[in-house]
Protein backbone atom coordinates (compact mmCIF):
# COMPACT_ATOMS: atom_id res chain seq x y z
CA MET A 1 112.46 86.91 152.28
CA ILE A 2 113.86 83.78 151.02
CA HIS A 3 117.05 84.04 153.10
CA ALA A 4 114.67 84.56 156.31
CA PHE A 5 112.71 81.59 155.89
CA ASN A 6 115.95 79.55 154.95
CA ALA A 7 117.48 80.87 158.24
CA LEU A 8 114.49 79.61 160.12
CA ASN A 9 114.81 76.50 158.32
CA HIS A 10 118.43 75.89 158.58
CA ASP A 11 118.24 72.55 160.58
CA CYS A 12 115.59 71.23 158.33
CA PRO A 13 117.23 70.79 154.82
CA ASP A 14 114.32 69.39 153.15
CA TYR A 15 112.51 72.62 153.18
CA VAL A 16 115.39 75.02 152.75
CA ILE A 17 114.67 77.04 149.31
CA ARG A 18 117.46 76.24 146.64
CA THR A 19 118.45 79.92 145.68
CA ASP A 20 121.05 78.51 143.54
CA LEU A 21 118.12 77.16 140.86
CA LEU A 22 116.16 79.50 138.76
CA PRO A 23 112.29 79.58 140.18
CA GLU A 24 109.97 78.20 137.69
CA PRO A 25 106.64 80.12 138.52
CA PHE A 26 105.03 78.56 135.32
CA PHE A 27 105.63 76.90 132.16
CA GLY A 28 103.71 76.00 128.94
CA ASN A 29 101.82 78.29 126.55
CA ILE A 30 100.06 81.17 128.14
CA ASP A 31 97.27 81.03 125.46
CA ALA A 32 96.57 77.19 125.88
CA PRO A 33 93.32 76.21 126.34
CA VAL A 34 94.10 74.21 129.42
CA TYR A 35 95.85 75.44 132.65
CA VAL A 36 96.94 72.93 135.19
CA LEU A 37 97.49 73.83 138.92
CA ILE A 38 100.73 72.22 140.59
CA LEU A 39 102.65 72.94 143.72
CA ASN A 40 106.28 73.73 143.36
CA PRO A 41 109.02 72.33 141.24
CA GLY A 42 110.57 70.11 143.91
CA TYR A 43 114.42 69.33 144.17
CA SER A 44 116.99 66.68 142.83
CA GLU A 45 120.75 66.92 143.24
CA GLU A 46 121.02 66.26 139.37
CA ASP A 47 118.93 69.94 138.80
CA GLY A 48 122.04 71.80 139.59
CA PRO A 49 124.06 70.82 136.12
CA TRP A 50 120.94 71.38 134.31
CA HIS A 51 120.17 74.80 135.55
CA ALA A 52 123.97 75.56 134.81
CA ARG A 53 123.14 74.57 131.10
CA GLU A 54 122.89 77.56 128.81
CA ASP A 55 120.26 76.30 126.57
CA PHE A 56 118.19 75.05 129.73
CA SER A 57 118.62 78.10 131.61
CA SER A 58 117.94 80.25 128.67
CA THR A 59 114.54 78.38 128.02
CA ILE A 60 113.53 78.86 131.51
CA ARG A 61 113.88 82.80 131.14
CA SER A 62 111.95 82.75 127.73
CA ALA A 63 109.20 80.96 129.68
CA TRP A 64 108.91 83.85 132.24
CA ASN A 65 108.64 86.27 129.47
CA HIS A 66 105.93 84.14 127.26
CA SER A 67 108.22 83.76 124.72
CA PRO A 68 107.67 81.63 121.69
CA LEU A 69 109.12 78.00 122.31
CA GLU A 70 108.70 75.23 119.95
CA PHE A 71 107.92 73.24 123.23
CA PRO A 72 106.54 75.77 125.49
CA LEU A 73 106.07 73.00 128.03
CA TYR A 74 109.70 72.92 128.15
CA TYR A 75 110.18 69.29 130.05
CA LEU A 76 108.87 67.51 126.90
CA ASP A 77 111.43 69.39 124.67
CA PRO A 78 113.59 66.06 123.80
CA ARG A 79 116.64 68.31 124.48
CA PHE A 80 115.83 67.72 128.21
CA ALA A 81 114.68 64.50 128.40
CA ASP A 82 117.05 63.11 130.67
CA SER A 83 116.44 66.15 133.15
CA PRO A 84 114.39 65.03 136.69
CA GLY A 85 111.69 67.27 135.67
CA ALA A 86 111.32 65.92 132.24
CA LYS A 87 111.08 62.48 134.02
CA TRP A 88 108.57 63.36 136.25
CA PHE A 89 106.42 65.39 133.43
CA ALA A 90 106.91 62.39 131.22
CA LYS A 91 105.14 59.79 133.76
CA LYS A 92 102.39 62.33 134.55
CA THR A 93 101.80 63.09 130.69
CA ARG A 94 102.06 59.89 129.04
CA HIS A 95 98.67 58.80 128.49
CA LEU A 96 97.52 62.52 126.86
CA VAL A 97 101.04 62.02 124.93
CA THR A 98 99.91 58.88 123.56
CA ASP A 99 96.39 60.02 122.88
CA CYS A 100 97.15 63.69 121.24
CA GLY A 101 100.93 63.54 120.23
CA LEU A 102 103.71 65.24 121.96
CA HIS A 103 103.69 68.66 120.36
CA ALA A 104 99.83 69.01 121.26
CA VAL A 105 100.47 68.44 124.73
CA ALA A 106 103.73 70.57 125.11
CA ASN A 107 101.76 73.65 123.20
CA ARG A 108 98.09 72.93 124.74
CA LEU A 109 99.08 72.85 128.12
CA PHE A 110 99.85 75.42 130.93
CA PHE A 111 101.39 74.80 134.09
CA ALA A 112 100.91 77.10 137.01
CA GLU A 113 103.25 76.72 140.33
CA LEU A 114 101.96 77.76 143.79
CA PHE A 115 105.31 78.28 144.74
CA PRO A 116 108.09 78.75 142.19
CA TYR A 117 111.07 78.01 144.08
CA HIS A 118 112.76 74.37 144.51
CA SER A 119 113.05 72.43 147.66
CA ILE A 120 112.94 68.72 148.69
CA ARG A 121 109.85 69.64 150.14
CA TYR A 122 107.12 72.32 150.74
CA ARG A 123 106.62 74.46 153.32
CA PRO A 124 104.53 77.93 153.32
CA ILE A 125 106.48 81.00 154.26
CA PRO A 126 105.57 82.26 157.87
CA LYS A 127 102.80 84.93 158.29
CA LYS A 128 105.64 86.93 160.15
CA ILE A 129 107.69 87.03 157.07
CA TYR A 130 105.10 87.48 154.63
CA ALA A 131 101.46 87.43 155.04
CA SER A 132 100.20 84.97 152.17
CA GLY A 133 102.81 82.56 152.97
CA LEU A 134 103.75 82.82 149.31
CA VAL A 135 106.08 85.28 147.48
CA PRO A 136 105.12 88.70 145.87
CA SER A 137 105.69 87.20 142.27
CA PHE A 138 102.58 85.06 142.88
CA ALA A 139 100.29 87.84 142.23
CA TYR A 140 101.28 87.44 138.94
CA THR A 141 100.40 83.98 138.51
CA VAL A 142 96.92 84.64 140.52
CA PHE A 143 96.20 87.14 137.46
CA LEU A 144 96.67 84.59 134.87
CA ILE A 145 94.26 82.08 136.85
CA LYS A 146 91.94 84.46 136.80
CA ARG A 147 92.26 85.64 133.27
CA ALA A 148 91.86 82.19 132.45
CA ILE A 149 88.80 81.50 134.33
CA GLU A 150 87.14 84.88 132.82
CA GLN A 151 88.15 83.09 129.59
CA LYS A 152 86.54 80.15 130.13
CA LYS A 153 89.81 78.00 129.99
CA LEU A 154 89.69 74.41 131.25
CA ILE A 155 91.50 74.20 134.81
CA VAL A 156 92.93 70.88 136.02
CA ILE A 157 93.96 70.86 139.93
CA MET A 158 96.84 68.56 140.11
CA ARG A 159 98.27 69.68 143.73
CA ALA A 160 97.34 71.78 146.69
CA GLY A 161 93.63 72.34 145.82
CA LYS A 162 92.81 74.05 148.96
CA ALA A 163 95.75 76.24 148.64
CA TRP A 164 94.87 77.32 145.22
CA ALA A 165 91.27 78.12 146.41
CA THR A 166 92.11 80.23 148.94
CA GLN A 167 94.18 82.37 146.82
CA VAL A 168 91.93 82.15 143.89
CA PRO A 169 88.53 82.35 145.32
CA GLU A 170 86.82 82.17 141.82
CA LEU A 171 87.80 78.54 141.39
CA ALA A 172 85.21 77.45 144.05
CA GLY A 173 82.21 78.10 141.75
CA TYR A 174 83.59 77.51 138.36
CA ASP A 175 82.34 74.62 136.40
CA ARG A 176 85.17 74.09 134.22
CA VAL A 177 87.67 72.92 137.08
CA ILE A 178 88.76 69.08 136.67
CA ARG A 179 90.07 67.64 140.22
CA LEU A 180 92.15 64.58 140.44
CA ASN A 181 90.62 61.53 141.98
CA SER A 182 94.13 60.71 143.85
CA SER A 183 95.91 63.63 145.39
CA GLN A 184 98.86 61.06 145.84
CA ASN A 185 98.88 59.76 142.20
CA VAL A 186 98.86 62.97 140.21
CA SER A 187 98.78 61.62 137.01
CA LEU A 188 96.82 62.78 134.27
CA SER A 189 95.03 59.67 133.08
CA PRO A 190 91.83 58.25 132.21
CA GLY A 191 91.84 56.07 135.80
CA ASN A 192 93.05 59.29 137.67
CA MET A 193 90.00 61.72 136.02
CA LYS A 194 86.27 61.22 135.55
CA ARG A 195 86.77 63.88 132.63
CA TYR A 196 89.88 62.71 130.98
CA ALA A 197 88.05 62.52 127.62
CA GLU A 198 87.21 65.91 127.92
CA LEU A 199 90.75 67.24 128.28
CA ARG A 200 91.99 65.03 125.79
CA ASP A 201 89.46 65.99 123.19
CA LEU A 202 90.31 69.65 123.84
CA LEU A 203 94.25 68.59 123.50
CA ARG A 204 93.45 67.25 120.06
CA GLU A 205 91.49 70.31 118.74
CA ALA A 206 93.46 72.00 116.36
């Protein structure tokens, strides 16, 4: 499937899926009270050396299995602070880290990706390759989001709201969903969230 998609986009390198990097379908504590929905991991030339590091790659694999980690949201792990992903997450969560503390944010947020593979820009898989436009393993992510809704967890839609609603129709009528004010600026900040205090207070709870 991935190779077929890449063959179709061989003349559009921004959309080519990086098969040399580990997919990252989700990260964070699966039992966290807050689930955050995002799009895809993106790609930077700096990603390659990080994915080649044993401590980094083993952490990603541990996240696949929901194994216990000191920093389940591993991009907030100080060991990985210089990675491209960590720099992105540091910007997007800085208000929460200031208000709630690093460990609270790293342990009380669970991020789910719509598409788990790295690429510079996201493009759905054509339906002639796979009907949903995503990947088969995404079914497990959908299961996790539906279970989070059943458990009345707070859900923050950070990116790709329409696509998420298509895949998880239950989101449409769910009252514990926070949407950002700006789909371009996706920081989890007071200025970008009308219900920031609700999110902050939930992360502060012991």
